[in-house]
C-alpha atoms as a PDB file:
ATOM      1  CA  MET A   1       0.000   0.000   0.000  1.00  0.00           C
ATOM      2  CA  ASN A   2       1.506   3.305  -1.133  1.00  0.00           C
ATOM      3  CA  GLU A   3       0.590   6.273   1.090  1.00  0.00           C
ATOM      4  CA  HIS A   4      -1.208   7.886  -1.860  1.00  0.00           C
ATOM      5  CA  TYR A   5      -2.962   4.875  -3.381  1.00  0.00           C
ATOM      6  CA  PRO A   6      -3.433   1.126  -2.925  1.00  0.00           C
ATOM      7  CA  ARG A   7      -1.632  -1.585  -4.853  1.00  0.00           C
ATOM      8  CA  VAL A   8      -4.234  -3.231  -7.077  1.00  0.00           C
ATOM      9  CA  ARG A   9      -3.130  -6.593  -8.433  1.00  0.00           C
ATOM     10  CA  LEU A  10      -5.888  -8.873  -9.697  1.00  0.00           C
ATOM     11  CA  TYR A  11      -5.000 -11.995 -11.682  1.00  0.00           C
ATOM     12  CA  SER A  12      -7.050 -14.153 -13.982  1.00  0.00           C
ATOM     13  CA  THR A  13      -7.513 -17.747 -12.895  1.00  0.00           C
ATOM     14  CA  ILE A  14      -8.146 -20.911 -14.869  1.00  0.00           C
ATOM     15  CA  GLY A  15      -9.154 -24.010 -12.946  1.00  0.00           C
ATOM     16  CA  GLY A  16      -8.187 -22.278  -9.707  1.00  0.00           C
ATOM     17  CA  GLU A  17      -4.664 -21.593 -10.968  1.00  0.00           C
ATOM     18  CA  GLN A  18      -3.448 -17.976 -10.981  1.00  0.00           C
ATOM     19  CA  ARG A  19      -2.549 -16.794 -14.463  1.00  0.00           C
ATOM     20  CA  SER A  20      -1.943 -13.326 -15.905  1.00  0.00           C
ATOM     21  CA  LEU A  21      -2.264  -9.908 -14.273  1.00  0.00           C
ATOM     22  CA  TYR A  22      -5.313  -8.223 -15.764  1.00  0.00           C
ATOM     23  CA  ILE A  23      -6.270  -5.376 -13.380  1.00  0.00           C
ATOM     24  CA  ARG A  24      -3.803  -3.003 -11.705  1.00  0.00           C
ATOM     25  CA  GLU A  25      -3.571   0.631 -10.624  1.00  0.00           C
ATOM     26  CA  SER A  26      -1.937   2.950 -13.148  1.00  0.00           C
ATOM     27  CA  VAL A  27      -1.748   6.569 -14.259  1.00  0.00           C
ATOM     28  CA  SER A  28      -3.805   7.750 -17.230  1.00  0.00           C
ATOM     29  CA  LEU A  29      -3.103  10.883 -19.296  1.00  0.00           C
ATOM     30  CA  THR A  30      -6.170  11.289 -21.516  1.00  0.00           C
ATOM     31  CA  PHE A  31      -7.394  14.009 -23.879  1.00  0.00           C
ATOM     32  CA  TYR A  32     -10.672  14.548 -25.754  1.00  0.00           C
ATOM     33  CA  MET A  33     -10.657  16.568 -28.980  1.00  0.00           C
ATOM     34  CA  LYS A  34     -13.686  17.766 -30.948  1.00  0.00           C
ATOM     35  CA  ARG A  35     -11.757  17.352 -34.178  1.00  0.00           C
ATOM     36  CA  PRO A  36     -11.853  14.729 -36.951  1.00  0.00           C
ATOM     37  CA  HIS A  37      -9.005  12.235 -37.096  1.00  0.00           C
ATOM     38  CA  GLN A  38      -7.276  13.511 -40.223  1.00  0.00           C
ATOM     39  CA  GLU A  39      -7.210  17.066 -38.841  1.00  0.00           C
ATOM     40  CA  ILE A  40      -5.191  16.052 -35.764  1.00  0.00           C
ATOM     41  CA  VAL A  41      -3.244  12.990 -36.900  1.00  0.00           C
ATOM     42  CA  GLN A  42       0.123  14.790 -37.044  1.00  0.00           C
ATOM     43  CA  GLU A  43      -0.288  16.146 -33.503  1.00  0.00           C
ATOM     44  CA  VAL A  44      -1.279  12.697 -32.240  1.00  0.00           C
ATOM     45  CA  MET A  45       1.776  11.094 -33.824  1.00  0.00           C
ATOM     46  CA  ARG A  46       4.053  13.732 -32.278  1.00  0.00           C
ATOM     47  CA  CYS A  47       2.524  12.942 -28.877  1.00  0.00           C
ATOM     48  CA  MET A  48       3.270   9.253 -29.394  1.00  0.00           C
ATOM     49  CA  GLU A  49       6.915  10.189 -30.027  1.00  0.00           C
ATOM     50  CA  VAL A  50       6.988  12.192 -26.780  1.00  0.00           C
ATOM     51  CA  TYR A  51       5.583   9.238 -24.830  1.00  0.00           C
ATOM     52  CA  LEU A  52       8.058   6.799 -26.391  1.00  0.00           C
ATOM     53  CA  ARG A  53      10.976   9.068 -25.496  1.00  0.00           C
ATOM     54  CA  ALA A  54       9.729   9.184 -21.916  1.00  0.00           C
ATOM     55  CA  ILE A  55       9.329   5.422 -21.419  1.00  0.00           C
ATOM     56  CA  GLY A  56      11.946   4.097 -23.854  1.00  0.00           C
ATOM     57  CA  PRO A  57      11.410   3.075 -27.496  1.00  0.00           C
ATOM     58  CA  GLN A  58      11.448  -0.685 -26.829  1.00  0.00           C
ATOM     59  CA  VAL A  59       8.814  -0.802 -24.066  1.00  0.00           C
ATOM     60  CA  LEU A  60       5.769  -1.051 -26.326  1.00  0.00           C
ATOM     61  CA  GLY A  61       6.095  -4.363 -28.125  1.00  0.00           C
ATOM     62  CA  TRP A  62       2.601  -5.219 -29.398  1.00  0.00           C
ATOM     63  CA  TYR A  63      -0.431  -3.760 -31.151  1.00  0.00           C
ATOM     64  CA  ALA A  64      -3.981  -4.977 -31.546  1.00  0.00           C
ATOM     65  CA  ASP A  65      -4.868  -5.198 -35.229  1.00  0.00           C
ATOM     66  CA  PRO A  66      -8.084  -3.153 -35.567  1.00  0.00           C
ATOM     67  CA  TYR A  67      -9.419  -5.450 -38.303  1.00  0.00           C
ATOM     68  CA  SER A  68      -8.631  -8.937 -36.996  1.00  0.00           C
ATOM     69  CA  GLY A  69      -8.469  -8.108 -33.288  1.00  0.00           C
ATOM     70  CA  ASP A  70      -5.299 -10.218 -33.002  1.00  0.00           C
ATOM     71  CA  TRP A  71      -2.177  -9.069 -31.188  1.00  0.00           C
ATOM     72  CA  GLU A  72       0.779  -8.536 -33.514  1.00  0.00           C
ATOM     73  CA  GLU A  73       4.416  -7.751 -32.805  1.00  0.00           C
ATOM     74  CA  LEU A  74       5.245  -4.039 -32.921  1.00  0.00           C
ATOM     75  CA  ASP A  75       8.464  -4.391 -34.912  1.00  0.00           C
ATOM     76  CA  ASP A  76       9.502  -2.180 -37.846  1.00  0.00           C
ATOM     77  CA  LYS A  77       6.835  -3.801 -40.003  1.00  0.00           C
ATOM     78  CA  GLY A  78       4.240  -3.249 -37.279  1.00  0.00           C
ATOM     79  CA  TRP A  79       5.146   0.423 -36.907  1.00  0.00           C
ATOM     80  CA  ALA A  80       4.901   0.898 -40.681  1.00  0.00           C
ATOM     81  CA  TYR A  81       1.416  -0.619 -40.556  1.00  0.00           C
ATOM     82  CA  ILE A  82       0.358   1.674 -37.679  1.00  0.00           C
ATOM     83  CA  ARG A  83       1.658   4.756 -39.510  1.00  0.00           C
ATOM     84  CA  ARG A  84      -0.196   3.764 -42.663  1.00  0.00           C
ATOM     85  CA  LEU A  85      -3.436   3.329 -40.713  1.00  0.00           C
ATOM     86  CA  MET A  86      -2.956   6.710 -39.074  1.00  0.00           C
ATOM     87  CA  LEU A  87      -2.072   8.650 -42.199  1.00  0.00           C
ATOM     88  CA  GLU A  88      -4.264   7.070 -44.854  1.00  0.00           C
ATOM     89  CA  GLU A  89      -7.512   6.065 -43.153  1.00  0.00           C
ATOM     90  CA  PRO A  90     -10.387   8.493 -42.372  1.00  0.00           C
ATOM     91  CA  VAL A  91     -10.667   7.017 -38.861  1.00  0.00           C
ATOM     92  CA  ALA A  92      -8.212   5.153 -36.658  1.00  0.00           C
ATOM     93  CA  GLN A  93      -8.415   2.709 -33.753  1.00  0.00           C
ATOM     94  CA  ILE A  94      -5.013   2.158 -32.158  1.00  0.00           C
ATOM     95  CA  TRP A  95      -4.062   0.068 -29.115  1.00  0.00           C
ATOM     96  CA  LEU A  96      -0.378  -0.359 -28.317  1.00  0.00           C
ATOM     97  CA  SER A  97       0.813  -2.324 -25.293  1.00  0.00           C
ATOM     98  CA  GLU A  98       3.892  -3.716 -23.604  1.00  0.00           C
ATOM     99  CA  SER A  99       2.363  -7.187 -23.399  1.00  0.00           C
ATOM    100  CA  PRO A 100      -0.380  -8.990 -25.331  1.00  0.00           C
ATOM    101  CA  SER A 101      -1.370 -11.088 -22.335  1.00  0.00           C
ATOM    102  CA  GLU A 102      -0.836  -8.998 -19.181  1.00  0.00           C
ATOM    103  CA  THR A 103      -1.784  -5.516 -17.997  1.00  0.00           C
ATOM    104  CA  THR A 104       1.628  -3.987 -17.295  1.00  0.00           C
ATOM    105  CA  GLY A 105       0.667  -0.306 -17.167  1.00  0.00           C
ATOM    106  CA  TYR A 106       2.253   0.790 -20.452  1.00  0.00           C
ATOM    107  CA  GLU A 107      -0.339   1.426 -23.163  1.00  0.00           C
ATOM    108  CA  VAL A 108      -1.384   3.901 -25.841  1.00  0.00           C
ATOM    109  CA  LEU A 109      -5.037   4.109 -26.877  1.00  0.00           C
ATOM    110  CA  TYR A 110      -6.324   6.314 -29.676  1.00  0.00           C
ATOM    111  CA  ARG A 111      -9.716   6.695 -31.280  1.00  0.00           C
ATOM    112  CA  GLY A 112      -9.644   9.004 -34.301  1.00  0.00           C
ATOM    113  CA  ARG A 113     -13.256   9.723 -35.213  1.00  0.00           C
ATOM    114  CA  LEU A 114     -15.293  11.461 -37.872  1.00  0.00           C
ATOM    115  CA  LEU A 115     -16.838  14.702 -36.639  1.00  0.00           C
ATOM    116  CA  LYS A 116     -20.399  14.192 -35.359  1.00  0.00           C
ATOM    117  CA  LYS A 117     -22.538  15.804 -32.655  1.00  0.00           C
ATOM    118  CA  ASN A 118     -21.018  14.484 -29.398  1.00  0.00           C
ATOM    119  CA  VAL A 119     -18.348  12.244 -30.905  1.00  0.00           C
ATOM    120  CA  THR A 120     -14.746  13.143 -30.123  1.00  0.00           C
ATOM    121  CA  SER A 121     -11.347  11.894 -31.073  1.00  0.00           C
ATOM    122  CA  ALA A 122      -9.564  10.695 -27.940  1.00  0.00           C
ATOM    123  CA  LEU A 123      -5.993   9.864 -26.983  1.00  0.00           C
ATOM    124  CA  SER A 124      -4.795   8.149 -23.812  1.00  0.00           C
ATOM    125  CA  PHE A 125      -1.336   7.307 -22.502  1.00  0.00           C
ATOM    126  CA  ILE A 126      -1.022   4.852 -19.597  1.00  0.00           C
ATOM    127  CA  LEU A 127       1.890   4.640 -17.166  1.00  0.00           C
ATOM    128  CA  PRO A 128       2.391   2.180 -14.303  1.00  0.00           C
ATOM    129  CA  THR A 129       2.524   3.747 -10.847  1.00  0.00           C
ATOM    130  CA  GLU A 130       6.065   2.362 -10.587  1.00  0.00           C
ATOM    131  CA  TYR A 131       7.013   4.925 -13.261  1.00  0.00           C
ATOM    132  CA  LEU A 132       5.388   7.672 -11.171  1.00  0.00           C
ATOM    133  CA  GLU A 133       7.289   6.539  -8.084  1.00  0.00           C
ATOM    134  CA  ALA A 134      10.624   6.255  -9.896  1.00  0.00           C
ATOM    135  CA  HIS A 135      10.449   9.640 -11.646  1.00  0.00           C
ATOM    136  CA  GLY A 136       8.257  11.620  -9.256  1.00  0.00           C
ATOM    137  CA  PRO A 137       4.927  13.389  -9.759  1.00  0.00           C
ATOM    138  CA  GLY A 138       6.597  16.548 -11.065  1.00  0.00           C
ATOM    139  CA  HIS A 139       8.058  14.617 -13.993  1.00  0.00           C
ATOM    140  CA  VAL A 140       4.701  13.011 -14.817  1.00  0.00           C
ATOM    141  CA  ARG A 141       2.957  16.383 -14.636  1.00  0.00           C
ATOM    142  CA  ASP A 142       5.573  17.881 -16.976  1.00  0.00           C
ATOM    143  CA  LEU A 143       5.011  14.995 -19.383  1.00  0.00           C
ATOM    144  CA  ALA A 144       1.244  15.610 -19.300  1.00  0.00           C
ATOM    145  CA  LEU A 145       1.783  19.319 -19.993  1.00  0.00           C
ATOM    146  CA  GLU A 146       4.097  18.532 -22.915  1.00  0.00           C
ATOM    147  CA  LEU A 147       1.445  16.255 -24.411  1.00  0.00           C
ATOM    148  CA  ALA A 148      -1.333  18.768 -23.783  1.00  0.00           C
ATOM    149  CA  ALA A 149       0.619  21.543 -25.517  1.00  0.00           C
ATOM    150  CA  LYS A 150       0.528  19.584 -28.782  1.00  0.00           C
ATOM    151  CA  LEU A 151      -3.199  18.768 -28.772  1.00  0.00           C
ATOM    152  CA  PRO A 152      -6.325  20.862 -29.498  1.00  0.00           C
ATOM    153  CA  PHE A 153      -8.196  19.382 -26.536  1.00  0.00           C
ATOM    154  CA  CYS A 154     -11.600  20.409 -25.225  1.00  0.00           C
ATOM    155  CA  SER A 155     -10.909  18.560 -21.999  1.00  0.00           C
ATOM    156  CA  GLY A 156      -8.469  16.087 -20.558  1.00  0.00           C
ATOM    157  CA  HIS A 157      -7.219  14.602 -17.345  1.00  0.00           C
ATOM    158  CA  GLY A 158      -4.291  12.939 -15.660  1.00  0.00           C
ATOM    159  CA  GLY A 159      -4.443  10.762 -12.589  1.00  0.00           C
ATOM    160  CA  LEU A 160      -4.936   7.357 -11.081  1.00  0.00           C
ATOM    161  CA  CYS A 161      -7.103   4.726 -12.693  1.00  0.00           C
ATOM    162  CA  PHE A 162      -7.959   1.059 -12.656  1.00  0.00           C
ATOM    163  CA  ASN A 163      -6.012  -0.224 -15.657  1.00  0.00           C
ATOM    164  CA  TYR A 164      -7.758  -3.198 -17.277  1.00  0.00           C
ATOM    165  CA  PRO A 165      -8.672  -4.470 -20.771  1.00  0.00           C
ATOM    166  CA  GLU A 166     -11.908  -2.618 -21.500  1.00  0.00           C
ATOM    167  CA  SER A 167     -12.814  -5.083 -24.235  1.00  0.00           C
ATOM    168  CA  VAL A 168     -13.064  -8.009 -21.786  1.00  0.00           C
ATOM    169  CA  VAL A 169     -16.698  -8.319 -20.693  1.00  0.00           C
ATOM    170  CA  GLY A 170     -17.311  -8.472 -16.952  1.00  0.00           C
ATOM    171  CA  THR A 171     -13.913  -7.190 -15.854  1.00  0.00           C
ATOM    172  CA  THR A 172     -15.400  -4.320 -13.841  1.00  0.00           C
ATOM    173  CA  ASP A 173     -17.260  -6.765 -11.572  1.00  0.00           C
ATOM    174  CA  ALA A 174     -14.003  -7.275  -9.692  1.00  0.00           C
ATOM    175  CA  ILE A 175     -13.398  -3.601  -8.904  1.00  0.00           C
ATOM    176  CA  ARG A 176     -16.841  -2.468  -7.753  1.00  0.00           C
ATOM    177  CA  GLU A 177     -16.124  -2.425  -4.021  1.00  0.00           C
ATOM    178  CA  MET A 178     -12.644  -0.913  -4.446  1.00  0.00           C
ATOM    179  CA  SER A 179     -14.024   1.848  -6.668  1.00  0.00           C
ATOM    180  CA  PHE A 180     -16.317   3.096  -3.912  1.00  0.00           C
ATOM    181  CA  ARG A 181     -13.615   2.855  -1.254  1.00  0.00           C
ATOM    182  CA  HIS A 182     -10.992   4.704  -3.375  1.00  0.00           C
ATOM    183  CA  PRO A 183     -12.846   7.495  -5.238  1.00  0.00           C
ATOM    184  CA  GLY A 184      -9.635   8.911  -6.758  1.00  0.00           C
ATOM    185  CA  LEU A 185      -9.135   5.753  -8.852  1.00  0.00           C
ATOM    186  CA  ASP A 186     -10.933   6.409 -12.131  1.00  0.00           C
ATOM    187  CA  ILE A 187     -12.686   3.636 -14.048  1.00  0.00           C
ATOM    188  CA  PRO A 188     -11.838   4.281 -17.702  1.00  0.00           C
ATOM    189  CA  GLY A 189     -14.423   3.859 -20.413  1.00  0.00           C
ATOM    190  CA  PHE A 190     -12.240   5.292 -23.128  1.00  0.00           C
ATOM    191  CA  HIS A 191     -13.786   3.628 -26.177  1.00  0.00           C
ATOM    192  CA  PHE A 192     -17.413   4.393 -25.351  1.00  0.00           C
ATOM    193  CA  ASP A 193     -16.799   7.803 -23.762  1.00  0.00           C
ATOM    194  CA  SER A 194     -15.354   9.096 -27.027  1.00  0.00           C
ATOM    195  CA  PHE A 195     -18.695   8.389 -28.730  1.00  0.00           C
ATOM    196  CA  SER A 196     -20.704  10.718 -26.511  1.00  0.00           C
ATOM    197  CA  ILE A 197     -18.630  12.986 -24.237  1.00  0.00           C
ATOM    198  CA  GLY A 198     -18.631  15.942 -26.623  1.00  0.00           C
ATOM    199  CA  THR A 199     -17.161  19.013 -24.909  1.00  0.00           C
ATOM    200  CA  ARG A 200     -18.100  17.884 -21.399  1.00  0.00           C
ATOM    201  CA  VAL A 201     -15.604  16.989 -18.673  1.00  0.00           C
ATOM    202  CA  LYS A 202     -15.015  13.401 -17.552  1.00  0.00           C
ATOM    203  CA  GLY A 203     -14.913  13.659 -13.799  1.00  0.00           C
ATOM    204  CA  VAL A 204     -12.333  15.116 -11.437  1.00  0.00           C
ATOM    205  CA  HIS A 205      -8.719  13.970 -11.329  1.00  0.00           C
ATOM    206  CA  TRP A 206      -5.283  14.999 -10.089  1.00  0.00           C
ATOM    207  CA  LEU A 207      -4.691  16.967 -13.334  1.00  0.00           C
ATOM    208  CA  ASN A 208      -7.728  18.559 -14.962  1.00  0.00           C
ATOM    209  CA  PHE A 209      -7.260  20.053 -18.434  1.00  0.00           C
ATOM    210  CA  LEU A 210      -9.995  22.490 -19.414  1.00  0.00           C
ATOM    211  CA  GLY A 211     -10.444  24.035 -22.854  1.00  0.00           C
ATOM    212  CA  GLN A 212     -13.276  25.732 -24.665  1.00  0.00           C
ATOM    213  CA  PRO A 213     -16.156  26.119 -24.260  1.00  0.00           C
ATOM    214  CA  VAL A 214     -16.147  25.018 -20.595  1.00  0.00           C
ATOM    215  CA  LEU A 215     -13.267  27.220 -19.427  1.00  0.00           C
ATOM    216  CA  GLY A 216     -14.866  30.290 -21.006  1.00  0.00           C
ATOM    217  CA  GLU A 217     -18.179  29.566 -19.288  1.00  0.00           C
ATOM    218  CA  LEU A 218     -16.312  29.334 -15.977  1.00  0.00           C
ATOM    219  CA  GLY A 219     -14.842  32.790 -16.467  1.00  0.00           C
ATOM    220  CA  GLY A 220     -11.432  31.591 -17.580  1.00  0.00           C
ATOM    221  CA  ALA A 221      -8.512  30.740 -15.331  1.00  0.00           C
ATOM    222  CA  ALA A 222      -9.183  33.819 -13.196  1.00  0.00           C
ATOM    223  CA  GLY A 223     -12.765  32.739 -12.603  1.00  0.00           C
ATOM    224  CA  LEU A 224     -11.599  29.282 -11.566  1.00  0.00           C
ATOM    225  CA  ARG A 225      -9.068  30.687  -9.093  1.00  0.00           C
ATOM    226  CA  GLU A 226     -11.800  32.687  -7.379  1.00  0.00           C
ATOM    227  CA  ARG A 227     -13.827  29.529  -6.762  1.00  0.00           C
ATOM    228  CA  LEU A 228     -11.081  27.103  -5.724  1.00  0.00           C
ATOM    229  CA  ARG A 229      -9.702  27.703  -2.244  1.00  0.00           C
ATOM    230  CA  SER A 230      -8.316  24.320  -1.176  1.00  0.00           C
ATOM    231  CA  PRO A 231      -4.656  24.387  -0.106  1.00  0.00           C
ATOM    232  CA  GLY A 232      -2.502  22.742  -2.746  1.00  0.00           C
ATOM    233  CA  THR A 233      -4.909  23.405  -5.627  1.00  0.00           C
ATOM    234  CA  THR A 234      -3.343  25.415  -8.445  1.00  0.00           C
ATOM    235  CA  VAL A 235      -4.751  26.839 -11.675  1.00  0.00           C
ATOM    236  CA  GLN A 236      -2.234  27.329 -14.485  1.00  0.00           C
ATOM    237  CA  GLU A 237      -3.111  29.118 -17.696  1.00  0.00           C
ATOM    238  CA  LEU A 238      -2.090  27.389 -20.940  1.00  0.00           C
ATOM    239  CA  ASP A 239      -1.866  28.652 -24.501  1.00  0.00           C
ATOM    240  CA  GLY A 240      -5.061  28.836 -26.538  1.00  0.00           C
ATOM    241  CA  GLU A 241      -7.432  29.915 -23.749  1.00  0.00           C
ATOM    242  CA  ARG A 242      -6.953  26.706 -21.824  1.00  0.00           C
ATOM    243  CA  ALA A 243      -5.904  25.807 -18.293  1.00  0.00           C
ATOM    244  CA  VAL A 244      -4.887  22.933 -16.048  1.00  0.00           C
ATOM    245  CA  VAL A 245      -6.105  22.546 -12.470  1.00  0.00           C
ATOM    246  CA  THR A 246      -3.740  20.491 -10.308  1.00  0.00           C
ATOM    247  CA  LEU A 247      -5.054  19.004  -7.058  1.00  0.00           C
ATOM    248  CA  GLY A 248      -2.014  18.583  -4.836  1.00  0.00           C
ATOM    249  CA  THR A 249       1.506  17.349  -5.417  1.00  0.00           C
ATOM    250  CA  TRP A 250       0.616  13.659  -5.835  1.00  0.00           C
ATOM    251  CA  PRO A 251      -2.391  11.923  -7.359  1.00  0.00           C
ATOM    252  CA  GLU A 252      -4.488  10.537  -4.515  1.00  0.00           C
ATOM    253  CA  ALA A 253      -6.861   7.562  -4.430  1.00  0.00           C
ATOM    254  CA  GLY A 254      -8.498   8.511  -1.141  1.00  0.00           C
ATOM    255  CA  ASP A 255      -9.926   5.941   1.252  1.00  0.00           C
ATOM    256  CA  THR A 256     -13.461   6.353   2.551  1.00  0.00           C
ATOM    257  CA  GLU A 257     -12.849   3.733   5.254  1.00  0.00           C
ATOM    258  CA  GLN A 258     -10.022   5.902   6.622  1.00  0.00           C
ATOM    259  CA  GLY A 259     -11.921   9.182   6.268  1.00  0.00           C
ATOM    260  CA  ARG A 260      -9.803  10.411   3.326  1.00  0.00           C
ATOM    261  CA  THR A 261     -12.607  11.782   1.145  1.00  0.00           C
ATOM    262  CA  LEU A 262     -10.440  14.100  -1.006  1.00  0.00           C
ATOM    263  CA  PRO A 263     -12.030  17.494  -0.171  1.00  0.00           C
ATOM    264  CA  GLU A 264     -10.097  19.322  -2.926  1.00  0.00           C
ATOM    265  CA  TYR A 265     -11.522  16.896  -5.499  1.00  0.00           C
ATOM    266  CA  ARG A 266     -14.995  17.493  -4.088  1.00  0.00           C
ATOM    267  CA  GLU A 267     -14.552  21.267  -4.299  1.00  0.00           C
ATOM    268  CA  LEU A 268     -13.609  21.109  -7.993  1.00  0.00           C
ATOM    269  CA  ALA A 269     -16.467  18.677  -8.703  1.00  0.00           C
ATOM    270  CA  ARG A 270     -18.976  21.184  -7.302  1.00  0.00           C
ATOM    271  CA  VAL A 271     -17.556  23.905  -9.552  1.00  0.00           C
ATOM    272  CA  LEU A 272     -17.615  21.673 -12.646  1.00  0.00           C
ATOM    273  CA  GLU A 273     -20.937  19.934 -11.938  1.00  0.00           C
ATOM    274  CA  PRO A 274     -22.952  21.579 -14.776  1.00  0.00           C
ATOM    275  CA  TRP A 275     -20.365  20.393 -17.308  1.00  0.00           C
ATOM    276  CA  LEU A 276     -19.588  16.896 -16.008  1.00  0.00           C
ATOM    277  CA  TYR A 277     -20.147  13.917 -18.297  1.00  0.00           C
ATOM    278  CA  MET A 278     -22.561  11.604 -16.476  1.00  0.00           C
ATOM    279  CA  ASP A 279     -24.653   9.652 -18.935  1.00  0.00           C
ATOM    280  CA  ARG A 280     -22.608   6.562 -19.610  1.00  0.00           C
ATOM    281  CA  GLY A 281     -24.084   3.066 -19.786  1.00  0.00           C
ATOM    282  CA  ASN A 282     -23.600   0.563 -16.987  1.00  0.00           C
ATOM    283  CA  TRP A 283     -20.424  -1.410 -16.440  1.00  0.00           C
ATOM    284  CA  GLY A 284     -20.511  -5.100 -15.579  1.00  0.00           C
ATOM    285  CA  GLY A 285     -21.375  -5.555 -11.910  1.00  0.00           C
ATOM    286  CA  PHE A 286     -22.757  -2.000 -11.563  1.00  0.00           C
ATOM    287  CA  SER A 287     -26.497  -1.355 -11.265  1.00  0.00           C
ATOM    288  CA  ASP A 288     -28.134   1.903 -12.380  1.00  0.00           C
ATOM    289  CA  GLU A 289     -27.917   3.131  -8.798  1.00  0.00           C
ATOM    290  CA  ASP A 290     -24.260   2.069  -8.563  1.00  0.00           C
ATOM    291  CA  MET A 291     -23.466   4.091 -11.679  1.00  0.00           C
ATOM    292  CA  ARG A 292     -25.191   7.181 -10.355  1.00  0.00           C
ATOM    293  CA  ARG A 293     -23.433   6.797  -7.007  1.00  0.00           C
ATOM    294  CA  TRP A 294     -20.028   6.354  -8.614  1.00  0.00           C
ATOM    295  CA  GLU A 295     -20.405   9.246 -11.055  1.00  0.00           C
ATOM    296  CA  ARG A 296     -21.517  11.528  -8.190  1.00  0.00           C
ATOM    297  CA  ARG A 297     -18.962  10.220  -5.695  1.00  0.00           C
ATOM    298  CA  PHE A 298     -17.431  13.708  -5.255  1.00  0.00           C
ATOM    299  CA  LEU A 299     -20.800  15.483  -5.181  1.00  0.00           C
ATOM    300  CA  ASP A 300     -23.097  13.598  -2.770  1.00  0.00           C
END
């Protein structure tokens, strides 16, 4: 147990025998862009280069073929295939990972969409918490800011999450109780969120990237500063009428059983409530009431 968050290590089992790690705690750096894929593809590819420099070029070794669904080796041929998909196709669905069989905490997810009402293109970089601990939260925040500077985001976030294969049905059953105990651990729904989030904001996190139109409706960075009074909360203006709100030095999971309810997260949630994205479908193991409770965990 880290002082800021729990160690989450859940393994798949076959016939009672422990197999591969499939759920763990990680750090997610995620951005939503109300732009069509081909308009932002160059910026997305530059962000991938930034991430690879940060973690090392050999860490990501596999990709999921978007047509067959099979895992393929991310060698020179694999990279050429990914670049062709990115540059030549009107939409793109990219999933890069360190391992095809275990959740290690190193992943890149991208959904390049066509422009429709509430559909967004979305980009997410995953880091294991061991990376956070080795390099420090300042380094991870700097990495998030470097990525954000290259992207025309409407919103984005950086912080703790349950890292698991979203495509595996029923996986969220195993994290229901932990998700209510540790409200700072996000439950990603990256693929489906990008279909309907629009310009809304997906919850409250350690790093909260706000663009237009939400930041303008809040009165800009100055308006945010007037409303946020928690010690350790900072509001930093970014280029392009955007800002990032940072809630403390470290990302925190909280622990309701220990009375750590993350008051600074709750303060920001109250400010952002009219713009929060809260109409997702149910996860496995979560009832309608569970979903409402989880989505409003910093509000009620």
